[in-house]
C-alpha atoms as a PDB file:
ATOM      1  CA  MET A   1     -22.310  17.660 -16.816  1.00  0.00           C
ATOM      2  CA  GLY A   2     -21.234  19.180 -13.490  1.00  0.00           C
ATOM      3  CA  GLY A   3     -20.806  22.537 -11.951  1.00  0.00           C
ATOM      4  CA  GLY A   4     -19.764  25.540 -13.574  1.00  0.00           C
ATOM      5  CA  GLY A   5     -15.968  25.991 -15.021  1.00  0.00           C
ATOM      6  CA  GLY A   6     -14.151  26.581 -18.042  1.00  0.00           C
ATOM      7  CA  GLY A   7     -12.914  23.305 -19.524  1.00  0.00           C
ATOM      8  CA  GLY A   8      -9.124  23.614 -17.843  1.00  0.00           C
ATOM      9  CA  SER A   9      -7.867  22.433 -14.601  1.00  0.00           C
ATOM     10  CA  SER A  10      -8.427  25.429 -11.926  1.00  0.00           C
ATOM     11  CA  ARG A  11      -6.179  23.805  -9.290  1.00  0.00           C
ATOM     12  CA  SER A  12      -2.704  25.875  -8.742  1.00  0.00           C
ATOM     13  CA  ILE A  13       0.019  24.194  -6.930  1.00  0.00           C
ATOM     14  CA  GLY A  14      -0.789  26.308  -3.579  1.00  0.00           C
ATOM     15  CA  ASP A  15      -3.694  24.114  -3.908  1.00  0.00           C
ATOM     16  CA  ILE A  16      -1.763  20.623  -4.668  1.00  0.00           C
ATOM     17  CA  LYS A  17       0.207  21.515  -1.963  1.00  0.00           C
ATOM     18  CA  SER A  18      -2.129  22.182   0.792  1.00  0.00           C
ATOM     19  CA  LEU A  19      -4.244  18.973  -0.315  1.00  0.00           C
ATOM     20  CA  VAL A  20      -1.032  17.136   0.465  1.00  0.00           C
ATOM     21  CA  ASP A  21      -0.564  18.767   3.937  1.00  0.00           C
ATOM     22  CA  ARG A  22      -3.915  17.903   4.732  1.00  0.00           C
ATOM     23  CA  ALA A  23      -3.841  14.142   3.998  1.00  0.00           C
ATOM     24  CA  LYS A  24      -0.384  14.061   6.085  1.00  0.00           C
ATOM     25  CA  LYS A  25      -1.994  15.644   8.773  1.00  0.00           C
ATOM     26  CA  GLU A  26      -5.065  12.932   8.577  1.00  0.00           C
ATOM     27  CA  LEU A  27      -2.914  10.474   8.369  1.00  0.00           C
ATOM     28  CA  ARG A  28      -1.108  11.304  11.683  1.00  0.00           C
ATOM     29  CA  GLU A  29      -4.132  11.995  13.139  1.00  0.00           C
ATOM     30  CA  GLY A  30      -5.715   8.484  12.410  1.00  0.00           C
ATOM     31  CA  GLU A  31      -2.196   6.905  13.793  1.00  0.00           C
ATOM     32  CA  GLN A  32      -2.744   8.833  16.848  1.00  0.00           C
ATOM     33  CA  ALA A  33      -5.950   7.541  17.178  1.00  0.00           C
ATOM     34  CA  GLY A  34      -4.781   3.817  17.033  1.00  0.00           C
ATOM     35  CA  ARG A  35      -5.258   3.591  13.137  1.00  0.00           C
ATOM     36  CA  LYS A  36      -2.602   1.782  11.370  1.00  0.00           C
ATOM     37  CA  ASN A  37      -1.627   3.475   8.346  1.00  0.00           C
ATOM     38  CA  VAL A  38      -1.104   0.585   5.669  1.00  0.00           C
ATOM     39  CA  PHE A  39       1.057   0.788   2.351  1.00  0.00           C
ATOM     40  CA  ILE A  40      -0.287  -1.983   0.230  1.00  0.00           C
ATOM     41  CA  SER A  41       2.160  -3.522  -2.136  1.00  0.00           C
ATOM     42  CA  PHE A  42       0.573  -5.867  -5.291  1.00  0.00           C
ATOM     43  CA  ALA A  43       0.657  -7.340  -8.472  1.00  0.00           C
ATOM     44  CA  MET A  44      -1.592  -5.112 -10.767  1.00  0.00           C
ATOM     45  CA  GLU A  45      -3.260  -8.477 -11.772  1.00  0.00           C
ATOM     46  CA  ASP A  46      -4.776  -8.568  -8.502  1.00  0.00           C
ATOM     47  CA  GLU A  47      -6.307  -5.447  -8.304  1.00  0.00           C
ATOM     48  CA  THR A  48      -9.772  -6.647  -8.290  1.00  0.00           C
ATOM     49  CA  VAL A  49      -9.448  -8.811  -5.179  1.00  0.00           C
ATOM     50  CA  VAL A  50      -7.253  -6.132  -3.781  1.00  0.00           C
ATOM     51  CA  ASN A  51      -9.951  -3.456  -3.893  1.00  0.00           C
ATOM     52  CA  ALA A  52     -12.209  -5.946  -1.583  1.00  0.00           C
ATOM     53  CA  LEU A  53      -9.309  -6.099   0.807  1.00  0.00           C
ATOM     54  CA  ARG A  54      -9.302  -1.919   0.715  1.00  0.00           C
ATOM     55  CA  ALA A  55     -13.142  -1.394   1.128  1.00  0.00           C
ATOM     56  CA  SER A  56     -13.082  -3.650   4.195  1.00  0.00           C
ATOM     57  CA  ALA A  57     -10.717  -1.137   5.939  1.00  0.00           C
ATOM     58  CA  LYS A  58     -13.512   1.541   5.185  1.00  0.00           C
ATOM     59  CA  ASN A  59     -15.555   0.090   8.098  1.00  0.00           C
ATOM     60  CA  PRO A  60     -15.260   3.122  11.139  1.00  0.00           C
ATOM     61  CA  LYS A  61     -14.226   0.161  13.054  1.00  0.00           C
ATOM     62  CA  SER A  62     -11.121  -1.196  11.268  1.00  0.00           C
ATOM     63  CA  GLN A  63      -7.907  -0.300  12.977  1.00  0.00           C
ATOM     64  CA  ILE A  64      -6.218  -0.133   9.784  1.00  0.00           C
ATOM     65  CA  GLU A  65      -6.346   2.574   6.672  1.00  0.00           C
ATOM     66  CA  PHE A  66      -4.796   1.603   3.389  1.00  0.00           C
ATOM     67  CA  ASN A  67      -2.611   3.738   1.186  1.00  0.00           C
ATOM     68  CA  ASP A  68      -1.052   2.776  -2.129  1.00  0.00           C
ATOM     69  CA  TRP A  69       0.081   4.002  -5.427  1.00  0.00           C
ATOM     70  CA  SER A  70      -0.942   1.566  -7.853  1.00  0.00           C
ATOM     71  CA  VAL A  71       1.948   1.350 -10.911  1.00  0.00           C
ATOM     72  CA  SER A  72       1.327  -0.366 -14.039  1.00  0.00           C
ATOM     73  CA  GLU A  73       4.251   0.414 -15.863  1.00  0.00           C
ATOM     74  CA  PRO A  74       7.418  -1.986 -16.101  1.00  0.00           C
ATOM     75  CA  ILE A  75       9.869  -1.297 -13.249  1.00  0.00           C
ATOM     76  CA  ASN A  76      12.353  -0.193 -15.821  1.00  0.00           C
ATOM     77  CA  SER A  77      10.388   2.644 -17.582  1.00  0.00           C
ATOM     78  CA  GLU A  78      12.016   6.167 -18.128  1.00  0.00           C
ATOM     79  CA  ARG A  79      10.052   7.187 -15.070  1.00  0.00           C
ATOM     80  CA  ALA A  80      10.370   4.422 -12.677  1.00  0.00           C
ATOM     81  CA  ALA A  81      13.208   6.744 -10.980  1.00  0.00           C
ATOM     82  CA  TYR A  82      10.273   9.006 -10.502  1.00  0.00           C
ATOM     83  CA  ILE A  83       7.669   6.803  -9.644  1.00  0.00           C
ATOM     84  CA  LYS A  84       9.926   4.593  -6.904  1.00  0.00           C
ATOM     85  CA  GLN A  85      10.515   8.011  -5.488  1.00  0.00           C
ATOM     86  CA  LYS A  86       6.897   8.791  -5.057  1.00  0.00           C
ATOM     87  CA  ILE A  87       6.442   5.135  -3.751  1.00  0.00           C
ATOM     88  CA  SER A  88       9.170   5.390  -1.094  1.00  0.00           C
ATOM     89  CA  ASP A  89       7.495   8.787   0.045  1.00  0.00           C
ATOM     90  CA  ARG A  90       4.357   6.420   0.165  1.00  0.00           C
ATOM     91  CA  ILE A  91       5.773   4.002   2.520  1.00  0.00           C
ATOM     92  CA  ALA A  92       7.580   6.193   4.507  1.00  0.00           C
ATOM     93  CA  GLN A  93       4.049   7.580   5.470  1.00  0.00           C
ATOM     94  CA  SER A  94       3.141   4.375   6.482  1.00  0.00           C
ATOM     95  CA  SER A  95       3.323   2.257   9.573  1.00  0.00           C
ATOM     96  CA  VAL A  96       3.803  -1.091   7.930  1.00  0.00           C
ATOM     97  CA  THR A  97       3.670  -2.550   4.574  1.00  0.00           C
ATOM     98  CA  VAL A  98       1.103  -5.383   3.586  1.00  0.00           C
ATOM     99  CA  VAL A  99       2.018  -7.094   0.585  1.00  0.00           C
ATOM    100  CA  PHE A 100      -0.991  -9.254  -1.070  1.00  0.00           C
ATOM    101  CA  LEU A 101       0.240 -12.695  -1.833  1.00  0.00           C
ATOM    102  CA  SER A 102      -1.113 -14.552  -4.928  1.00  0.00           C
ATOM    103  CA  ASN A 103       0.383 -16.691  -7.673  1.00  0.00           C
ATOM    104  CA  ALA A 104       1.072 -13.701  -9.652  1.00  0.00           C
ATOM    105  CA  THR A 105       2.827 -11.715  -7.145  1.00  0.00           C
ATOM    106  CA  PRO A 106       6.296 -13.481  -7.505  1.00  0.00           C
ATOM    107  CA  LYS A 107       6.279 -12.244 -11.044  1.00  0.00           C
ATOM    108  CA  SER A 108       5.710  -8.310  -9.806  1.00  0.00           C
ATOM    109  CA  SER A 109       9.384  -6.499  -9.658  1.00  0.00           C
ATOM    110  CA  TRP A 110       7.410  -3.627  -8.338  1.00  0.00           C
ATOM    111  CA  VAL A 111       6.460  -5.712  -5.316  1.00  0.00           C
ATOM    112  CA  GLU A 112       9.850  -7.140  -5.041  1.00  0.00           C
ATOM    113  CA  TRP A 113      11.220  -3.515  -4.715  1.00  0.00           C
ATOM    114  CA  GLU A 114       8.645  -2.372  -2.766  1.00  0.00           C
ATOM    115  CA  ILE A 115       9.141  -5.080  -0.107  1.00  0.00           C
ATOM    116  CA  GLU A 116      12.893  -4.006  -0.276  1.00  0.00           C
ATOM    117  CA  GLU A 117      12.155  -0.421   0.209  1.00  0.00           C
ATOM    118  CA  SER A 118       9.850  -0.855   2.676  1.00  0.00           C
ATOM    119  CA  MET A 119      12.678  -3.315   4.584  1.00  0.00           C
ATOM    120  CA  ARG A 120      15.669  -0.348   4.189  1.00  0.00           C
ATOM    121  CA  GLN A 121      12.957   2.198   5.791  1.00  0.00           C
ATOM    122  CA  GLY A 122      12.949   0.072   8.657  1.00  0.00           C
ATOM    123  CA  LYS A 123       8.753  -0.739   8.368  1.00  0.00           C
ATOM    124  CA  HIS A 124       7.541  -4.071   9.197  1.00  0.00           C
ATOM    125  CA  VAL A 125       6.308  -6.104   6.312  1.00  0.00           C
ATOM    126  CA  ILE A 126       3.520  -8.866   6.424  1.00  0.00           C
ATOM    127  CA  GLY A 127       2.328 -11.048   3.743  1.00  0.00           C
ATOM    128  CA  VAL A 128      -1.719 -11.713   3.769  1.00  0.00           C
ATOM    129  CA  TYR A 129      -3.608 -13.949   1.270  1.00  0.00           C
ATOM    130  CA  PRO A 130      -7.406 -14.848   1.086  1.00  0.00           C
ATOM    131  CA  LYS A 131      -8.297 -17.422   3.448  1.00  0.00           C
ATOM    132  CA  GLY A 132      -7.487 -20.754   1.930  1.00  0.00           C
ATOM    133  CA  SER A 133      -6.059 -19.568  -0.767  1.00  0.00           C
ATOM    134  CA  GLU A 134      -2.428 -19.404   0.309  1.00  0.00           C
ATOM    135  CA  PRO A 135      -0.339 -19.126  -2.847  1.00  0.00           C
ATOM    136  CA  ARG A 136       2.707 -22.423  -3.229  1.00  0.00           C
ATOM    137  CA  VAL A 137       5.308 -19.615  -4.416  1.00  0.00           C
ATOM    138  CA  ARG A 138       6.139 -16.468  -2.928  1.00  0.00           C
ATOM    139  CA  PRO A 139       8.236 -13.272  -3.907  1.00  0.00           C
ATOM    140  CA  ASP A 140      11.715 -13.779  -3.049  1.00  0.00           C
ATOM    141  CA  ALA A 141      12.194 -10.968  -0.536  1.00  0.00           C
ATOM    142  CA  ILE A 142       9.132 -12.665   1.545  1.00  0.00           C
ATOM    143  CA  THR A 143      10.856 -16.518   1.587  1.00  0.00           C
ATOM    144  CA  GLN A 144      14.846 -15.099   2.445  1.00  0.00           C
ATOM    145  CA  ARG A 145      13.679 -12.434   4.910  1.00  0.00           C
ATOM    146  CA  GLN A 146      11.214 -14.792   6.532  1.00  0.00           C
ATOM    147  CA  ILE A 147       8.332 -12.674   6.603  1.00  0.00           C
ATOM    148  CA  LYS A 148       5.224 -13.650   8.513  1.00  0.00           C
ATOM    149  CA  CYS A 149       2.226 -14.369   6.134  1.00  0.00           C
ATOM    150  CA  VAL A 150      -1.243 -14.597   7.330  1.00  0.00           C
ATOM    151  CA  PRO A 151      -4.662 -15.015   6.152  1.00  0.00           C
ATOM    152  CA  TRP A 152      -6.904 -11.797   5.153  1.00  0.00           C
ATOM    153  CA  PRO A 153      -8.686 -12.739   8.522  1.00  0.00           C
ATOM    154  CA  GLU A 154      -5.883 -12.645  11.037  1.00  0.00           C
ATOM    155  CA  LEU A 155      -4.230  -9.242   9.163  1.00  0.00           C
ATOM    156  CA  ALA A 156      -5.939  -6.777  11.478  1.00  0.00           C
ATOM    157  CA  ASP A 157      -4.865  -8.617  14.949  1.00  0.00           C
ATOM    158  CA  THR A 158      -1.544  -9.123  13.181  1.00  0.00           C
ATOM    159  CA  ILE A 159      -1.059  -5.435  12.525  1.00  0.00           C
ATOM    160  CA  GLY A 160      -2.489  -4.344  15.778  1.00  0.00           C
ATOM    161  CA  SER A 161       0.224  -6.483  17.363  1.00  0.00           C
ATOM    162  CA  LEU A 162       2.989  -5.194  15.993  1.00  0.00           C
ATOM    163  CA  GLU A 163       5.196  -2.755  18.227  1.00  0.00           C
END
């Protein structure tokens, strides 16, 4: 059991706003230090593999920092408009969108929407796949827009070369 407190959340709206403001400040400072804030789009079926990708960015020498807002709800759910707005905000805070590619990715409506929203916002979009596991089928938005796709070990250099 943890330290004191009386059972309910003691955070006020002001506390949450200050946390959000602090997180935004840290993202900006990371960008100024040469780190790229990356929004990562993926199918929920790939969450375990994507977590390994995120872990690699925790290395202090890494020039990339991942930002995602995992969503397991269907895109046509009652909360879809709210979720889309929150994801759109996260994309806006990012420098680039990375789409994790697997055989599950083309089936994800969220991934397609996140690619299109990233492009609408003028963000760079890069597809990434585990080395030696390039999927045969890619999301339509990746194919139609001829988005560059690279193996995982080349991701940091590819992001670093973006203008």
